[in-house]
């Protein structure tokens, strides 16, 4: 779960550098707000 969160965060930053801010925002929110805290609880 932690790896999935980190991959999602990295993908968000990669998409952000590519120029798609809306998709990057979704990926970063899912990574930081959903997957990463969920991984810390499990």
Foldseek 3Di string as FASTA:
>chain_A
DQVVLVVLLVVLVVVVVVPDNVVSVVSNCCSPVPDNVVVVVD
